[in-house]
Amino acid sequence: MSHGRVALAGLFLAMPACTSMRSVRPAQFIPQNSPEVVWVTYTNHPVVPLAQPEIAGDTLRGVRLGTRERVVIPLGQVGSVRAKEPDHVKTVLFLSGLGVAAVSAVYFIFVRQAGPSTDGVVCGYDKKVDPIPYC
């Protein structure tokens, strides 16, 4: 696999890191964002991961994650709902890290390997008649 493909695969694998779990209002969030999974905390504290969530009137419906069991929860029994949402701070930090990595790679691959040799390029001579290696 080429270095470019490895880097691209790493980028796509790291993108989920740019999300955070946040409390959401299910009646607004679920119809607007169609999340794949939400984590529902009942008023008596059990937590249920719910796939394919949807709001139907005053009821939250979906499938218990990892099973085919249909779940129907009246919104009055829902204590809180959490969902993954984009995290802009993590995204900025991730992209900044990529930028630093790219600049470092260019430095170490090209600039550092060049060293003091200019491969025949002479920028003039000093008073001792030694070639000046950098222009």
Protein backbone atom coordinates (compact mmCIF):
# COMPACT_ATOMS: atom_id res chain seq x y z
CA MET A 1 0.00 0.00 0.00
CA SER A 2 1.42 3.42 -0.90
CA HIS A 3 2.21 6.07 1.71
CA GLY A 4 -0.59 8.26 0.34
CA ARG A 5 -3.19 5.54 0.81
CA VAL A 6 -1.97 4.86 4.35
CA ALA A 7 -2.20 8.56 5.20
CA LEU A 8 -5.67 8.82 3.67
CA ALA A 9 -6.86 5.74 5.57
CA GLY A 10 -5.48 7.24 8.80
CA LEU A 11 -7.32 10.49 8.11
CA PHE A 12 -10.66 8.73 7.65
CA LEU A 13 -10.12 6.56 10.72
CA ALA A 14 -9.33 9.62 12.82
CA MET A 15 -12.36 11.66 11.74
CA PRO A 16 -14.73 10.09 14.31
CA ALA A 17 -12.42 11.57 16.90
CA CYS A 18 -13.86 14.94 15.89
CA THR A 19 -17.14 14.20 17.69
CA SER A 20 -18.28 14.37 21.29
CA MET A 21 -21.18 12.92 23.21
CA ARG A 22 -23.62 15.66 24.13
CA SER A 23 -27.03 15.84 25.75
CA VAL A 24 -29.70 16.64 23.18
CA ARG A 25 -33.40 17.40 23.11
CA PRO A 26 -34.79 14.30 21.42
CA ALA A 27 -37.97 15.89 20.02
CA GLN A 28 -35.89 18.44 18.06
CA PHE A 29 -32.56 16.71 17.54
CA ILE A 30 -33.69 13.32 16.19
CA PRO A 31 -35.98 14.59 13.37
CA GLN A 32 -33.45 17.26 12.33
CA ASN A 33 -30.26 15.16 12.44
CA SER A 34 -31.37 11.54 11.94
CA PRO A 35 -28.61 10.10 14.17
CA GLU A 36 -27.72 6.44 13.78
CA VAL A 37 -27.59 5.88 17.55
CA VAL A 38 -28.65 7.76 20.68
CA TRP A 39 -28.12 6.78 24.31
CA VAL A 40 -31.34 7.10 26.30
CA THR A 41 -31.27 7.38 30.08
CA TYR A 42 -34.60 6.54 31.68
CA THR A 43 -35.85 8.64 34.60
CA ASN A 44 -34.99 5.67 36.89
CA HIS A 45 -31.39 5.67 35.46
CA PRO A 46 -30.94 2.62 33.17
CA VAL A 47 -29.22 3.56 29.90
CA VAL A 48 -30.31 2.04 26.58
CA PRO A 49 -28.36 2.54 23.32
CA LEU A 50 -31.03 2.99 20.66
CA ALA A 51 -30.31 2.55 16.95
CA GLN A 52 -32.50 4.05 14.21
CA PRO A 53 -34.23 6.41 16.65
CA GLU A 54 -37.35 8.27 15.61
CA ILE A 55 -39.91 10.45 17.31
CA ALA A 56 -43.57 9.59 16.81
CA GLY A 57 -45.79 12.00 18.69
CA ASP A 58 -44.74 11.82 22.34
CA THR A 59 -42.84 8.54 21.92
CA LEU A 60 -39.23 7.67 21.15
CA ARG A 61 -38.89 4.51 19.09
CA GLY A 62 -35.95 2.52 17.81
CA VAL A 63 -34.04 -0.74 17.99
CA ARG A 64 -31.88 -1.75 20.96
CA LEU A 65 -28.31 -1.50 19.66
CA GLY A 66 -26.85 -4.91 18.80
CA THR A 67 -30.24 -6.64 18.73
CA ARG A 68 -33.41 -6.54 16.68
CA GLU A 69 -35.51 -5.77 19.75
CA ARG A 70 -37.89 -2.88 19.07
CA VAL A 71 -38.01 -0.33 21.87
CA VAL A 72 -40.82 2.16 22.50
CA ILE A 73 -40.25 4.78 25.20
CA PRO A 74 -42.75 7.48 26.16
CA LEU A 75 -40.89 10.82 26.30
CA GLY A 76 -42.16 11.23 29.88
CA GLN A 77 -39.95 8.28 30.91
CA VAL A 78 -36.84 9.73 29.25
CA GLY A 79 -34.45 11.39 31.69
CA SER A 80 -31.90 12.42 29.07
CA VAL A 81 -30.71 11.58 25.58
CA ARG A 82 -27.08 11.77 24.45
CA ALA A 83 -25.82 11.65 20.89
CA LYS A 84 -22.56 12.10 19.03
CA GLU A 85 -22.24 15.56 17.55
CA PRO A 86 -19.42 17.29 15.64
CA ASP A 87 -16.87 18.87 17.98
CA HIS A 88 -15.31 21.89 16.29
CA VAL A 89 -12.52 22.24 18.87
CA LYS A 90 -11.38 18.64 18.29
CA THR A 91 -11.59 19.20 14.52
CA VAL A 92 -9.39 22.32 14.71
CA LEU A 93 -6.86 20.51 16.91
CA PHE A 94 -6.85 17.50 14.58
CA LEU A 95 -6.31 19.64 11.47
CA SER A 96 -3.62 21.68 13.24
CA GLY A 97 -1.83 18.46 14.13
CA LEU A 98 -2.02 17.35 10.50
CA GLY A 99 -0.53 20.69 9.42
CA VAL A 100 2.36 20.37 11.88
CA ALA A 101 2.95 16.79 10.73
CA ALA A 102 2.99 17.85 7.07
CA VAL A 103 5.44 20.72 7.68
CA SER A 104 7.66 18.46 9.79
CA ALA A 105 7.64 15.79 7.08
CA VAL A 106 8.68 18.32 4.43
CA TYR A 107 11.45 19.60 6.69
CA PHE A 108 12.85 16.17 7.54
CA ILE A 109 12.50 14.74 4.05
CA PHE A 110 13.79 17.64 1.97
CA VAL A 111 15.51 20.35 3.99
CA ARG A 112 17.33 18.26 6.56
CA GLN A 113 18.56 15.71 4.02
CA ALA A 114 19.98 18.49 1.85
CA GLY A 115 22.38 19.55 4.61
CA PRO A 116 25.12 22.05 3.80
CA SER A 117 25.68 20.61 0.31
CA THR A 118 24.10 22.53 -2.56
CA ASP A 119 24.89 19.82 -5.13
CA GLY A 120 27.06 22.02 -7.28
CA VAL A 121 25.22 25.31 -6.80
CA VAL A 122 27.68 27.99 -5.83
CA CYS A 123 26.41 31.33 -4.57
CA GLY A 124 29.74 33.06 -4.87
CA TYR A 125 33.01 32.95 -2.96
CA ASP A 126 34.10 34.43 0.32
CA LYS A 127 37.38 36.35 0.87
CA LYS A 128 39.28 33.06 1.38
CA VAL A 129 38.01 31.88 -2.00
CA ASP A 130 35.84 29.21 -0.40
CA PRO A 131 32.43 28.65 -2.03
CA ILE A 132 29.43 30.12 -0.20
CA PRO A 133 27.06 27.15 0.21
CA TYR A 134 23.80 29.10 0.71
CA CYS A 135 22.38 31.96 -1.29
